[in-house]
Amino acid sequence: MKRYTAVGRGKSRPYTGAGVRVGVTVSAKVGNAVVRNKIRRRVKEICRLNLVKLKPGFDLVIVARDKAAASGYQELERDLVYLFDKLGMIKAET
């Protein structure tokens, strides 16, 4: 099941540095500060754990939407990995 709205939109842009830079933003419409920070921490942790799978040289901005507040960690991780793959950021397995 595709859940674009749970994670939001990802914009990737190649840059000349090594590694992947990730930015996470959560609108004030999503919930109170506790909920927004929980989403932000989860997304950052998912990105940190999956950095080894990603091609270097990308800027990534993740905009979390309101459905992310009701999603569990596994759902967010599945959606983010799907998003990385759709953006062509996953390294080819050897």
C-alpha atoms as a PDB file:
ATOM      1  CA  MET A   1       0.000   0.000   0.000  1.00  0.00           C
ATOM      2  CA  LYS A   2       1.393   3.400  -0.961  1.00  0.00           C
ATOM      3  CA  ARG A   3       1.194   5.958   1.811  1.00  0.00           C
ATOM      4  CA  TYR A   4       2.683   9.115   0.380  1.00  0.00           C
ATOM      5  CA  THR A   5       0.724  11.256   2.781  1.00  0.00           C
ATOM      6  CA  ALA A   6       2.127   9.538   5.866  1.00  0.00           C
ATOM      7  CA  VAL A   7       5.630  10.732   5.104  1.00  0.00           C
ATOM      8  CA  GLY A   8       5.038  13.592   2.713  1.00  0.00           C
ATOM      9  CA  ARG A   9       7.011  14.735  -0.265  1.00  0.00           C
ATOM     10  CA  GLY A  10      10.712  14.207  -0.718  1.00  0.00           C
ATOM     11  CA  LYS A  11      12.786  16.467  -2.903  1.00  0.00           C
ATOM     12  CA  SER A  12      16.241  15.302  -3.818  1.00  0.00           C
ATOM     13  CA  ARG A  13      18.909  17.359  -5.496  1.00  0.00           C
ATOM     14  CA  PRO A  14      22.442  16.194  -6.276  1.00  0.00           C
ATOM     15  CA  TYR A  15      25.222  18.140  -4.579  1.00  0.00           C
ATOM     16  CA  THR A  16      28.989  17.865  -4.784  1.00  0.00           C
ATOM     17  CA  GLY A  17      29.642  16.734  -1.206  1.00  0.00           C
ATOM     18  CA  ALA A  18      29.969  13.186   0.058  1.00  0.00           C
ATOM     19  CA  GLY A  19      27.164  11.495   1.932  1.00  0.00           C
ATOM     20  CA  VAL A  20      23.500  12.400   2.182  1.00  0.00           C
ATOM     21  CA  ARG A  21      22.129  15.488   3.889  1.00  0.00           C
ATOM     22  CA  VAL A  22      18.641  15.150   5.349  1.00  0.00           C
ATOM     23  CA  GLY A  23      16.270  17.845   6.543  1.00  0.00           C
ATOM     24  CA  VAL A  24      12.951  17.110   8.231  1.00  0.00           C
ATOM     25  CA  THR A  25      10.111  19.561   8.651  1.00  0.00           C
ATOM     26  CA  VAL A  26       6.749  19.086  10.342  1.00  0.00           C
ATOM     27  CA  SER A  27       4.036  21.734  10.038  1.00  0.00           C
ATOM     28  CA  ALA A  28       2.403  23.207  13.117  1.00  0.00           C
ATOM     29  CA  LYS A  29      -0.881  21.894  11.698  1.00  0.00           C
ATOM     30  CA  VAL A  30       0.204  18.326  12.481  1.00  0.00           C
ATOM     31  CA  GLY A  31      -0.230  18.550  16.246  1.00  0.00           C
ATOM     32  CA  ASN A  32       1.338  19.968  19.345  1.00  0.00           C
ATOM     33  CA  ALA A  33       5.112  20.253  19.826  1.00  0.00           C
ATOM     34  CA  VAL A  34       5.376  16.828  21.450  1.00  0.00           C
ATOM     35  CA  VAL A  35       3.759  15.107  18.463  1.00  0.00           C
ATOM     36  CA  ARG A  36       5.816  17.079  15.923  1.00  0.00           C
ATOM     37  CA  ASN A  37       9.083  16.288  17.707  1.00  0.00           C
ATOM     38  CA  LYS A  38       8.152  12.601  17.958  1.00  0.00           C
ATOM     39  CA  ILE A  39       7.622  12.463  14.189  1.00  0.00           C
ATOM     40  CA  ARG A  40      10.855  14.374  13.563  1.00  0.00           C
ATOM     41  CA  ARG A  41      12.863  12.028  15.824  1.00  0.00           C
ATOM     42  CA  ARG A  42      11.395   8.937  14.164  1.00  0.00           C
ATOM     43  CA  VAL A  43      12.110  10.170  10.636  1.00  0.00           C
ATOM     44  CA  LYS A  44      15.671  11.199  11.532  1.00  0.00           C
ATOM     45  CA  GLU A  45      16.346   7.810  13.129  1.00  0.00           C
ATOM     46  CA  ILE A  46      14.962   5.957  10.107  1.00  0.00           C
ATOM     47  CA  CYS A  47      17.210   8.025   7.845  1.00  0.00           C
ATOM     48  CA  ARG A  48      20.237   7.442  10.082  1.00  0.00           C
ATOM     49  CA  LEU A  49      19.738   3.672  10.065  1.00  0.00           C
ATOM     50  CA  ASN A  50      19.289   3.566   6.281  1.00  0.00           C
ATOM     51  CA  LEU A  51      22.158   5.885   5.294  1.00  0.00           C
ATOM     52  CA  VAL A  52      24.363   2.937   4.306  1.00  0.00           C
ATOM     53  CA  LYS A  53      21.764   1.949   1.684  1.00  0.00           C
ATOM     54  CA  LEU A  54      21.674   5.402   0.057  1.00  0.00           C
ATOM     55  CA  LYS A  55      23.814   6.754  -2.758  1.00  0.00           C
ATOM     56  CA  PRO A  56      26.049   9.634  -1.655  1.00  0.00           C
ATOM     57  CA  GLY A  57      25.658  13.157  -2.952  1.00  0.00           C
ATOM     58  CA  PHE A  58      22.015  14.005  -2.263  1.00  0.00           C
ATOM     59  CA  ASP A  59      20.137  16.668  -0.348  1.00  0.00           C
ATOM     60  CA  LEU A  60      16.821  15.348   0.915  1.00  0.00           C
ATOM     61  CA  VAL A  61      14.016  17.394   2.475  1.00  0.00           C
ATOM     62  CA  ILE A  62      11.182  15.406   4.032  1.00  0.00           C
ATOM     63  CA  VAL A  63       7.908  17.176   4.773  1.00  0.00           C
ATOM     64  CA  ALA A  64       5.844  15.143   7.225  1.00  0.00           C
ATOM     65  CA  ARG A  65       2.079  15.394   6.806  1.00  0.00           C
ATOM     66  CA  ASP A  66      -0.733  14.991   9.322  1.00  0.00           C
ATOM     67  CA  LYS A  67      -1.132  11.243   8.739  1.00  0.00           C
ATOM     68  CA  ALA A  68       2.426  10.736   9.970  1.00  0.00           C
ATOM     69  CA  ALA A  69       1.181  11.462  13.508  1.00  0.00           C
ATOM     70  CA  ALA A  70      -1.098   8.410  13.412  1.00  0.00           C
ATOM     71  CA  SER A  71       1.473   6.144  11.738  1.00  0.00           C
ATOM     72  CA  GLY A  72       3.698   3.742  13.609  1.00  0.00           C
ATOM     73  CA  TYR A  73       7.460   3.473  13.261  1.00  0.00           C
ATOM     74  CA  GLN A  74       7.305   0.494  10.874  1.00  0.00           C
ATOM     75  CA  GLU A  75       4.839   2.275   8.593  1.00  0.00           C
ATOM     76  CA  LEU A  76       7.025   5.374   8.452  1.00  0.00           C
ATOM     77  CA  GLU A  77      10.113   3.275   7.760  1.00  0.00           C
ATOM     78  CA  ARG A  78       8.379   1.358   4.966  1.00  0.00           C
ATOM     79  CA  ASP A  79       7.164   4.597   3.402  1.00  0.00           C
ATOM     80  CA  LEU A  80      10.553   6.304   3.628  1.00  0.00           C
ATOM     81  CA  VAL A  81      12.413   3.349   2.118  1.00  0.00           C
ATOM     82  CA  TYR A  82       9.840   3.288  -0.686  1.00  0.00           C
ATOM     83  CA  LEU A  83      10.349   7.026  -1.175  1.00  0.00           C
ATOM     84  CA  PHE A  84      14.149   6.610  -1.299  1.00  0.00           C
ATOM     85  CA  ASP A  85      13.737   3.899  -3.925  1.00  0.00           C
ATOM     86  CA  LYS A  86      11.310   5.988  -5.980  1.00  0.00           C
ATOM     87  CA  LEU A  87      13.760   8.906  -5.946  1.00  0.00           C
ATOM     88  CA  GLY A  88      16.552   6.606  -7.167  1.00  0.00           C
ATOM     89  CA  MET A  89      18.619   7.029  -4.022  1.00  0.00           C
ATOM     90  CA  ILE A  90      19.054   3.336  -3.122  1.00  0.00           C
ATOM     91  CA  LYS A  91      22.425   1.784  -3.976  1.00  0.00           C
ATOM     92  CA  ALA A  92      22.368  -1.217  -6.292  1.00  0.00           C
ATOM     93  CA  GLU A  93      22.986  -4.407  -4.336  1.00  0.00           C
ATOM     94  CA  THR A  94      26.092  -6.308  -5.360  1.00  0.00           C
END
